[in-house]
Amino acid sequence: MSVRIRLTRKGAKKRPFYRIVATDSEAPRDGRFLEVLGYYDPLKDPPHVHIDEDKVHKWIQRGAQLSETVRSLLRKKGVSRVASQTS
């Protein structure tokens, strides 16, 4: 089982809200996940990102891969400890 850290969409139609989750790489986008690691709200100005750095670091140590979107959110948030390990 390959674990991937990626976004899952929540919210209403035309009002997106995303959770950052650790999930099986073959699971559907909004399917089952292993753990919630944070959230991303693109509708706020500026967009609001909350990430539990310790949980993300734990999953990366276990071999989880970051999606491109999550990697860019981590860089923008300034999570250098995690972003530097996955580049």
C-alpha atoms as a PDB file:
ATOM      1  CA  MET A   1       0.000   0.000   0.000  1.00  0.00           C
ATOM      2  CA  SER A   2       1.490   3.301  -1.111  1.00  0.00           C
ATOM      3  CA  VAL A   3       0.472   6.269   1.031  1.00  0.00           C
ATOM      4  CA  ARG A   4      -0.044   9.686  -0.506  1.00  0.00           C
ATOM      5  CA  ILE A   5      -0.632  13.053   1.155  1.00  0.00           C
ATOM      6  CA  ARG A   6      -3.177  14.934  -0.940  1.00  0.00           C
ATOM      7  CA  LEU A   7      -6.321  17.070  -0.899  1.00  0.00           C
ATOM      8  CA  THR A   8      -9.877  15.841  -0.576  1.00  0.00           C
ATOM      9  CA  ARG A   9     -12.719  18.189  -1.527  1.00  0.00           C
ATOM     10  CA  LYS A  10     -15.458  19.186   0.884  1.00  0.00           C
ATOM     11  CA  GLY A  11     -17.921  22.064   0.887  1.00  0.00           C
ATOM     12  CA  ALA A  12     -20.883  22.964  -1.252  1.00  0.00           C
ATOM     13  CA  LYS A  13     -21.226  23.520  -4.963  1.00  0.00           C
ATOM     14  CA  LYS A  14     -18.959  26.412  -6.034  1.00  0.00           C
ATOM     15  CA  ARG A  15     -17.796  26.793  -2.398  1.00  0.00           C
ATOM     16  CA  PRO A  16     -14.778  24.474  -2.184  1.00  0.00           C
ATOM     17  CA  PHE A  17     -13.043  23.577   1.044  1.00  0.00           C
ATOM     18  CA  TYR A  18     -10.233  21.030   1.137  1.00  0.00           C
ATOM     19  CA  ARG A  19      -8.830  18.686   3.761  1.00  0.00           C
ATOM     20  CA  ILE A  20      -5.201  17.634   3.606  1.00  0.00           C
ATOM     21  CA  VAL A  21      -5.217  13.881   4.233  1.00  0.00           C
ATOM     22  CA  ALA A  22      -2.982  10.828   4.209  1.00  0.00           C
ATOM     23  CA  THR A  23      -4.620   8.172   2.051  1.00  0.00           C
ATOM     24  CA  ASP A  24      -3.949   5.065   0.002  1.00  0.00           C
ATOM     25  CA  SER A  25      -2.745   6.196  -3.423  1.00  0.00           C
ATOM     26  CA  GLU A  26      -5.381   4.067  -5.171  1.00  0.00           C
ATOM     27  CA  ALA A  27      -8.335   5.398  -3.139  1.00  0.00           C
ATOM     28  CA  PRO A  28     -10.765   7.813  -4.840  1.00  0.00           C
ATOM     29  CA  ARG A  29     -10.271  11.545  -4.244  1.00  0.00           C
ATOM     30  CA  ASP A  30     -13.092  11.826  -1.727  1.00  0.00           C
ATOM     31  CA  GLY A  31     -12.881   8.230  -0.498  1.00  0.00           C
ATOM     32  CA  ARG A  32     -11.482   6.697   2.650  1.00  0.00           C
ATOM     33  CA  PHE A  33      -8.417   8.228   4.236  1.00  0.00           C
ATOM     34  CA  LEU A  34      -6.027   7.273   7.009  1.00  0.00           C
ATOM     35  CA  GLU A  35      -5.671  10.595   8.843  1.00  0.00           C
ATOM     36  CA  VAL A  36      -6.580  14.272   8.489  1.00  0.00           C
ATOM     37  CA  LEU A  37      -3.428  16.416   8.498  1.00  0.00           C
ATOM     38  CA  GLY A  38      -4.905  19.871   7.983  1.00  0.00           C
ATOM     39  CA  TYR A  39      -7.155  21.952   5.763  1.00  0.00           C
ATOM     40  CA  TYR A  40      -7.063  24.547   2.989  1.00  0.00           C
ATOM     41  CA  ASP A  41      -9.739  27.200   2.433  1.00  0.00           C
ATOM     42  CA  PRO A  42      -9.138  28.930  -0.931  1.00  0.00           C
ATOM     43  CA  LEU A  43     -12.122  31.286  -0.604  1.00  0.00           C
ATOM     44  CA  LYS A  44     -10.655  33.364   2.233  1.00  0.00           C
ATOM     45  CA  ASP A  45      -8.540  36.383   1.323  1.00  0.00           C
ATOM     46  CA  PRO A  46      -5.711  35.429   1.667  1.00  0.00           C
ATOM     47  CA  PRO A  47      -6.377  31.670   1.395  1.00  0.00           C
ATOM     48  CA  HIS A  48      -6.205  29.993   4.802  1.00  0.00           C
ATOM     49  CA  VAL A  49      -3.984  26.937   5.252  1.00  0.00           C
ATOM     50  CA  HIS A  50      -3.685  24.984   8.500  1.00  0.00           C
ATOM     51  CA  ILE A  51      -1.224  22.086   8.601  1.00  0.00           C
ATOM     52  CA  ASP A  52      -0.234  19.872  11.519  1.00  0.00           C
ATOM     53  CA  GLU A  53       3.503  19.767  10.760  1.00  0.00           C
ATOM     54  CA  ASP A  54       4.227  16.945  13.190  1.00  0.00           C
ATOM     55  CA  LYS A  55       1.659  14.640  11.579  1.00  0.00           C
ATOM     56  CA  VAL A  56       2.930  15.447   8.064  1.00  0.00           C
ATOM     57  CA  HIS A  57       6.516  14.813   9.158  1.00  0.00           C
ATOM     58  CA  LYS A  58       5.472  11.484  10.720  1.00  0.00           C
ATOM     59  CA  TRP A  59       3.822  10.313   7.475  1.00  0.00           C
ATOM     60  CA  ILE A  60       6.796  11.375   5.355  1.00  0.00           C
ATOM     61  CA  GLN A  61       9.112   9.384   7.616  1.00  0.00           C
ATOM     62  CA  ARG A  62       6.846   6.376   6.996  1.00  0.00           C
ATOM     63  CA  GLY A  63       7.316   6.816   3.236  1.00  0.00           C
ATOM     64  CA  ALA A  64       4.289   8.869   2.188  1.00  0.00           C
ATOM     65  CA  GLN A  65       4.560  10.869  -1.034  1.00  0.00           C
ATOM     66  CA  LEU A  66       3.258  14.442  -1.367  1.00  0.00           C
ATOM     67  CA  SER A  67       1.009  15.534  -4.208  1.00  0.00           C
ATOM     68  CA  GLU A  68       2.227  18.558  -6.169  1.00  0.00           C
ATOM     69  CA  THR A  69      -0.531  20.755  -4.732  1.00  0.00           C
ATOM     70  CA  VAL A  70       0.233  19.815  -1.128  1.00  0.00           C
ATOM     71  CA  ARG A  71       3.958  20.311  -1.745  1.00  0.00           C
ATOM     72  CA  SER A  72       3.308  23.850  -3.029  1.00  0.00           C
ATOM     73  CA  LEU A  73       1.032  24.613  -0.049  1.00  0.00           C
ATOM     74  CA  LEU A  74       3.778  23.462   2.324  1.00  0.00           C
ATOM     75  CA  ARG A  75       6.320  25.705   0.601  1.00  0.00           C
ATOM     76  CA  LYS A  76       3.971  28.707   0.773  1.00  0.00           C
ATOM     77  CA  LYS A  77       3.242  27.989   4.433  1.00  0.00           C
ATOM     78  CA  GLY A  78       6.977  27.836   5.131  1.00  0.00           C
ATOM     79  CA  VAL A  79       7.150  24.276   6.414  1.00  0.00           C
ATOM     80  CA  SER A  80      10.842  23.997   5.579  1.00  0.00           C
ATOM     81  CA  ARG A  81      11.467  20.830   7.610  1.00  0.00           C
ATOM     82  CA  VAL A  82       8.997  18.892   5.494  1.00  0.00           C
ATOM     83  CA  ALA A  83       9.412  20.613   2.105  1.00  0.00           C
ATOM     84  CA  SER A  84      13.191  20.162   2.093  1.00  0.00           C
ATOM     85  CA  GLN A  85      12.920  16.394   2.657  1.00  0.00           C
ATOM     86  CA  THR A  86      10.555  15.814  -0.244  1.00  0.00           C
ATOM     87  CA  SER A  87      12.118  17.985  -2.969  1.00  0.00           C
END
